[in-house]
Amino acid sequence: MPAKRPKASRLQAELARRILRSLKEQDAQAGYHLVELDLCAAFGVSRTPVRGALKLLAGEGIITSRGGRGFVLAKLPVLADEDSDEDEEDQRLFEALAAARGAGDLADQFTQQEVVRRFDARLGTVMRVLRHLGELGLVERKPGNGWAFVPDPARILNESYAFRRALEPQMLLQPGFKLDRAWADRARAQHIKLRKKPWKPGDGASFHAVNAEFHEQLARSSGNRAMLKAVQRQTELRDFLIGQWDYPMEQVHSAIDDHLEILAALEAGYADKAAALMLHHLTQSQSQNEAA
């Protein structure tokens, strides 16, 4: 007789889905160790629901117990269509909230029901996105069903840059750092093409995705999953605060030149130089954004 699957609460089932999405985003491989305290911190919950979610995933054969030493990933399943649809819904609402907030059309305080009505979104989608914005430090839950944006977005962005200046140079110095040479070649060609193209209004926005992919790929090359996750979260934070901002040509060209220098230093094996260039790049980017 097959083993009976553990009964799960709605919170545990939702948390299990979020853990799976996080593992997929990190491109986690079989053998990846799931640390209870890290999951508690990542999702802002206590150990009890995390343990329930892990037992649920273990019951599905997705993770296996290490005999009192936590769990490891057995095999990451392909996300079901409904999970993919759920992710798409979440992303659409995230972008809609960011656009409304950026245009000044979203009040400092609001309720989840107001978001449901205004953006024609399902309550489950609204709650997932608001929890995620809370994890990014952008909103806070008020007593009852109210929410509030954290004040002073300029300060949040400056704090993000301070964190990135501490993080991103260090990820280039990790013992397990290994540059993907094929990616480096593609990235260089992409940067040079953008650098040489005749400039037109709106071209600055196209650099946003190039820039995010550059920093995320270097984080992935570090071999440090915590660093990769942190860089991805900072990208999401900037997506919400500034969106597809149309960067001026001078700023885009300066950033491209910085990226190419960092790549050249890494390819030559000069990690210390690349780290120093990254620190300079982030400091300069912050100054340019503050002046904009």
Protein backbone atom coordinates (compact mmCIF):
# COMPACT_ATOMS: atom_id res chain seq x y z
CA MET A 1 0.00 0.00 0.00
CA PRO A 2 1.55 3.39 -1.00
CA ALA A 3 2.56 5.77 1.75
CA LYS A 4 -0.08 8.32 2.62
CA ARG A 5 0.88 11.84 1.57
CA PRO A 6 1.10 14.40 4.37
CA LYS A 7 -1.92 16.64 4.67
CA ALA A 8 -0.96 20.22 3.91
CA SER A 9 -2.47 23.54 4.88
CA ARG A 10 -3.00 26.25 2.26
CA LEU A 11 0.02 28.11 3.64
CA GLN A 12 2.24 25.04 3.39
CA ALA A 13 1.06 24.26 -0.15
CA GLU A 14 1.63 27.86 -1.27
CA LEU A 15 5.05 27.92 0.40
CA ALA A 16 5.99 24.64 -1.29
CA ARG A 17 5.15 26.19 -4.68
CA ARG A 18 7.22 29.27 -3.86
CA ILE A 19 10.18 27.13 -2.82
CA LEU A 20 9.95 25.26 -6.13
CA ARG A 21 9.86 28.51 -8.10
CA SER A 22 12.88 29.78 -6.17
CA LEU A 23 14.82 26.58 -6.89
CA LYS A 24 13.94 26.89 -10.58
CA GLU A 25 15.10 30.52 -10.66
CA GLN A 26 18.42 29.45 -9.11
CA ASP A 27 18.75 26.58 -11.60
CA ALA A 28 19.29 24.31 -8.60
CA GLN A 29 20.63 20.85 -9.38
CA ALA A 30 20.09 17.47 -7.72
CA GLY A 31 21.87 17.41 -4.36
CA TYR A 32 21.17 21.07 -3.58
CA HIS A 33 20.83 21.42 0.21
CA LEU A 34 17.72 23.19 1.47
CA VAL A 35 18.48 25.06 4.69
CA GLU A 36 15.49 25.66 6.94
CA LEU A 37 16.71 28.97 8.38
CA ASP A 38 17.55 30.31 4.91
CA LEU A 39 14.03 29.49 3.71
CA CYS A 40 12.52 31.17 6.78
CA ALA A 41 14.49 34.33 6.03
CA ALA A 42 13.79 34.24 2.29
CA PHE A 43 10.02 33.92 2.66
CA GLY A 44 9.49 35.75 5.94
CA VAL A 45 7.86 32.84 7.76
CA SER A 46 8.57 30.73 10.85
CA ARG A 47 10.02 27.22 10.91
CA THR A 48 6.65 25.50 11.29
CA PRO A 49 5.24 26.28 7.81
CA VAL A 50 8.68 25.75 6.24
CA ARG A 51 8.90 22.29 7.79
CA GLY A 52 5.39 21.53 6.59
CA ALA A 53 6.25 22.66 3.04
CA LEU A 54 9.44 20.58 3.03
CA LYS A 55 7.55 17.49 4.21
CA LEU A 56 5.04 18.09 1.43
CA LEU A 57 7.82 18.27 -1.18
CA ALA A 58 9.41 15.17 0.31
CA GLY A 59 6.08 13.36 0.04
CA GLU A 60 6.07 14.22 -3.67
CA GLY A 61 9.58 12.80 -4.05
CA ILE A 62 10.99 16.19 -5.08
CA ILE A 63 13.36 16.38 -2.10
CA THR A 64 14.79 13.68 0.13
CA SER A 65 15.67 13.68 3.82
CA ARG A 66 19.31 13.58 4.91
CA GLY A 67 18.55 11.74 8.13
CA GLY A 68 18.06 14.64 10.52
CA ARG A 69 20.34 16.97 8.56
CA GLY A 70 17.71 18.64 6.45
CA PHE A 71 16.70 17.91 2.87
CA VAL A 72 18.36 17.83 -0.53
CA LEU A 73 16.84 18.27 -3.97
CA ALA A 74 16.24 14.96 -5.72
CA LYS A 75 14.93 16.26 -9.03
CA LEU A 76 13.41 19.59 -9.96
CA PRO A 77 10.12 18.89 -11.74
CA VAL A 78 8.95 20.74 -14.81
CA LEU A 79 6.48 23.39 -13.67
CA ALA A 80 2.92 22.53 -14.58
CA ASP A 81 1.02 24.76 -16.99
CA GLU A 82 -1.02 26.15 -14.12
CA ASP A 83 2.18 27.12 -12.30
CA SER A 84 3.49 28.84 -15.43
CA ASP A 85 0.20 30.69 -15.81
CA GLU A 86 0.41 31.67 -12.16
CA ASP A 87 3.91 33.08 -12.65
CA GLU A 88 2.73 35.06 -15.68
CA GLU A 89 -0.20 36.49 -13.72
CA ASP A 90 2.12 37.48 -10.89
CA GLN A 91 4.51 39.20 -13.30
CA ARG A 92 1.71 41.10 -15.04
CA LEU A 93 0.38 42.40 -11.73
CA PHE A 94 3.91 43.27 -10.54
CA GLU A 95 4.46 45.36 -13.68
CA ALA A 96 1.02 46.97 -13.46
CA LEU A 97 1.57 47.99 -9.84
CA ALA A 98 5.03 49.35 -10.69
CA ALA A 99 3.63 51.40 -13.60
CA ALA A 100 0.76 52.77 -11.50
CA ARG A 101 3.06 53.64 -8.64
CA GLY A 102 5.60 55.27 -10.96
CA ALA A 103 2.85 57.39 -12.54
CA GLY A 104 1.64 58.51 -9.12
CA ASP A 105 -1.68 56.69 -9.61
CA LEU A 106 -1.36 54.38 -6.62
CA ALA A 107 -1.86 55.76 -3.10
CA ASP A 108 0.64 55.27 -0.31
CA GLN A 109 -1.90 53.11 1.53
CA PHE A 110 -4.32 50.63 -0.03
CA THR A 111 -6.12 47.35 0.59
CA GLN A 112 -5.74 44.08 -1.23
CA GLN A 113 -9.39 44.25 -2.29
CA GLU A 114 -8.72 47.62 -3.95
CA VAL A 115 -5.93 46.00 -5.95
CA VAL A 116 -8.22 43.09 -6.90
CA ARG A 117 -10.89 45.47 -8.23
CA ARG A 118 -8.64 48.00 -9.91
CA PHE A 119 -6.34 45.56 -11.69
CA ASP A 120 -8.94 42.83 -12.25
CA ALA A 121 -6.67 40.33 -10.49
CA ARG A 122 -7.41 37.24 -8.47
CA LEU A 123 -7.00 37.52 -4.71
CA GLY A 124 -4.41 34.74 -4.67
CA THR A 125 -2.33 36.60 -7.26
CA VAL A 126 -2.62 39.85 -5.30
CA MET A 127 -1.53 38.22 -2.06
CA ARG A 128 1.48 36.52 -3.68
CA VAL A 129 2.65 39.74 -5.31
CA LEU A 130 2.15 41.83 -2.18
CA ARG A 131 4.07 39.28 -0.10
CA HIS A 132 6.86 39.40 -2.67
CA LEU A 133 6.93 43.21 -2.57
CA GLY A 134 7.13 42.91 1.20
CA GLU A 135 10.14 40.60 0.88
CA LEU A 136 11.77 43.23 -1.34
CA GLY A 137 11.18 45.85 1.36
CA LEU A 138 8.81 47.92 -0.78
CA VAL A 139 5.53 47.48 1.10
CA GLU A 140 4.48 46.73 4.66
CA ARG A 141 1.34 45.09 5.94
CA LYS A 142 -0.86 47.16 8.23
CA PRO A 143 -3.29 45.82 10.84
CA GLY A 144 -6.26 44.22 9.13
CA ASN A 145 -6.07 43.86 5.37
CA GLY A 146 -4.31 47.14 4.63
CA TRP A 147 -0.92 47.67 3.02
CA ALA A 148 1.39 50.68 2.75
CA PHE A 149 4.35 51.51 0.55
CA VAL A 150 7.56 52.06 2.43
CA PRO A 151 8.28 55.81 2.28
CA ASP A 152 11.22 57.45 0.52
CA PRO A 153 11.89 55.28 -2.57
CA ALA A 154 15.05 57.31 -3.28
CA ARG A 155 16.47 56.07 0.01
CA ILE A 156 15.52 52.48 -0.84
CA LEU A 157 17.34 52.79 -4.17
CA ASN A 158 20.41 54.28 -2.51
CA GLU A 159 20.43 51.48 0.04
CA SER A 160 20.21 49.03 -2.84
CA TYR A 161 23.29 50.54 -4.44
CA ALA A 162 25.14 50.41 -1.10
CA PHE A 163 24.28 46.72 -0.80
CA ARG A 164 25.32 46.02 -4.39
CA ARG A 165 28.66 47.79 -3.88
CA ALA A 166 29.33 45.43 -0.99
CA LEU A 167 28.07 42.35 -2.83
CA GLU A 168 28.94 42.44 -6.52
CA PRO A 169 32.70 43.09 -6.37
CA GLN A 170 32.97 40.21 -3.89
CA MET A 171 31.15 37.76 -6.12
CA LEU A 172 33.92 38.20 -8.72
CA LEU A 173 36.44 37.11 -6.07
CA GLN A 174 34.69 33.89 -5.06
CA PRO A 175 36.89 30.75 -5.13
CA GLY A 176 34.32 29.02 -7.31
CA PHE A 177 33.99 31.86 -9.84
CA LYS A 178 34.10 30.51 -13.39
CA LEU A 179 33.40 32.77 -16.31
CA ASP A 180 31.23 31.31 -19.05
CA ARG A 181 33.39 32.15 -22.06
CA ALA A 182 30.64 31.54 -24.61
CA TRP A 183 28.35 33.91 -22.73
CA ALA A 184 31.17 36.48 -22.44
CA ASP A 185 31.62 36.44 -26.22
CA ARG A 186 27.89 36.90 -26.80
CA ALA A 187 27.66 39.66 -24.19
CA ARG A 188 30.59 41.55 -25.70
CA ALA A 189 29.07 41.42 -29.17
CA GLN A 190 25.70 42.57 -27.81
CA HIS A 191 27.28 45.47 -25.91
CA ILE A 192 29.39 46.60 -28.86
CA LYS A 193 26.40 46.48 -31.21
CA LEU A 194 24.39 48.66 -28.83
CA ARG A 195 27.34 51.01 -28.36
CA LYS A 196 27.73 51.58 -32.12
CA LYS A 197 24.09 51.83 -33.19
CA PRO A 198 22.70 55.26 -34.16
CA TRP A 199 20.90 56.61 -31.12
CA LYS A 200 17.14 57.11 -31.19
CA PRO A 201 14.64 58.18 -28.51
CA GLY A 202 13.68 55.18 -26.42
CA ASP A 203 16.93 53.27 -27.05
CA GLY A 204 17.96 53.83 -23.43
CA ALA A 205 15.15 51.56 -22.25
CA SER A 206 16.52 48.67 -24.32
CA PHE A 207 19.68 48.71 -22.20
CA HIS A 208 17.71 47.75 -19.09
CA ALA A 209 17.48 44.04 -19.95
CA VAL A 210 21.09 43.94 -21.20
CA ASN A 211 22.32 45.48 -17.97
CA ALA A 212 20.28 43.17 -15.73
CA GLU A 213 21.40 40.06 -17.63
CA PHE A 214 25.07 41.13 -17.38
CA HIS A 215 25.03 41.46 -13.60
CA GLU A 216 22.94 38.33 -13.08
CA GLN A 217 25.20 36.20 -15.26
CA LEU A 218 28.28 37.30 -13.34
CA ALA A 219 26.47 36.37 -10.13
CA ARG A 220 25.69 32.95 -11.62
CA SER A 221 29.35 32.55 -12.58
CA SER A 222 30.34 33.11 -8.93
CA GLY A 223 29.06 29.65 -8.04
CA ASN A 224 27.42 31.16 -4.96
CA ARG A 225 23.66 30.62 -5.01
CA ALA A 226 23.00 33.11 -2.20
CA MET A 227 24.77 35.83 -4.17
CA LEU A 228 22.81 34.98 -7.32
CA LYS A 229 19.52 35.17 -5.43
CA ALA A 230 20.50 38.51 -3.90
CA VAL A 231 21.36 40.00 -7.31
CA GLN A 232 18.06 38.77 -8.76
CA ARG A 233 16.13 40.38 -5.89
CA GLN A 234 17.95 43.68 -6.38
CA THR A 235 17.05 43.57 -10.07
CA GLU A 236 13.39 43.10 -9.17
CA LEU A 237 13.58 45.98 -6.72
CA ARG A 238 14.98 48.29 -9.41
CA ASP A 239 12.38 47.01 -11.88
CA PHE A 240 9.66 48.19 -9.54
CA LEU A 241 11.24 51.51 -8.58
CA ILE A 242 12.47 52.71 -11.97
CA GLY A 243 11.03 50.21 -14.49
CA GLN A 244 12.07 50.54 -18.11
CA TRP A 245 13.60 53.96 -17.61
CA ASP A 246 14.93 55.57 -20.77
CA TYR A 247 18.59 56.00 -19.80
CA PRO A 248 20.38 58.89 -21.56
CA MET A 249 22.88 57.95 -24.26
CA GLU A 250 25.91 59.10 -22.26
CA GLN A 251 24.96 56.93 -19.30
CA VAL A 252 24.34 53.88 -21.46
CA HIS A 253 27.67 54.29 -23.28
CA SER A 254 29.49 54.75 -19.98
CA ALA A 255 27.92 51.60 -18.53
CA ILE A 256 28.72 49.61 -21.68
CA ASP A 257 32.36 50.70 -21.50
CA ASP A 258 32.48 49.67 -17.83
CA HIS A 259 30.98 46.26 -18.61
CA LEU A 260 33.47 45.62 -21.40
CA GLU A 261 36.38 46.53 -19.11
CA ILE A 262 35.09 44.17 -16.42
CA LEU A 263 34.77 41.35 -18.96
CA ALA A 264 38.28 41.95 -20.29
CA ALA A 265 39.76 41.85 -16.79
CA LEU A 266 37.95 38.61 -15.95
CA GLU A 267 39.01 36.96 -19.21
CA ALA A 268 42.62 37.93 -18.51
CA GLY A 269 42.39 36.37 -15.05
CA TYR A 270 42.58 39.66 -13.12
CA ALA A 271 39.75 39.15 -10.63
CA ASP A 272 41.02 41.89 -8.28
CA LYS A 273 40.99 44.41 -11.13
CA ALA A 274 37.52 43.30 -12.21
CA ALA A 275 36.24 43.73 -8.64
CA ALA A 276 37.69 47.25 -8.46
CA LEU A 277 36.12 48.10 -11.82
CA MET A 278 32.76 46.77 -10.62
CA LEU A 279 32.91 48.94 -7.51
CA HIS A 280 33.71 52.00 -9.63
CA HIS A 281 30.92 51.11 -12.07
CA LEU A 282 28.26 50.84 -9.36
CA THR A 283 29.42 54.02 -7.63
CA GLN A 284 29.30 55.93 -10.89
CA SER A 285 25.88 54.49 -11.78
CA GLN A 286 24.47 55.64 -8.46
CA SER A 287 25.85 59.14 -8.95
CA GLN A 288 24.35 59.34 -12.44
CA ASN A 289 20.93 58.17 -11.22
CA GLU A 290 20.94 60.67 -8.36
CA ALA A 291 21.73 63.47 -10.81
CA ALA A 292 19.00 62.40 -13.24
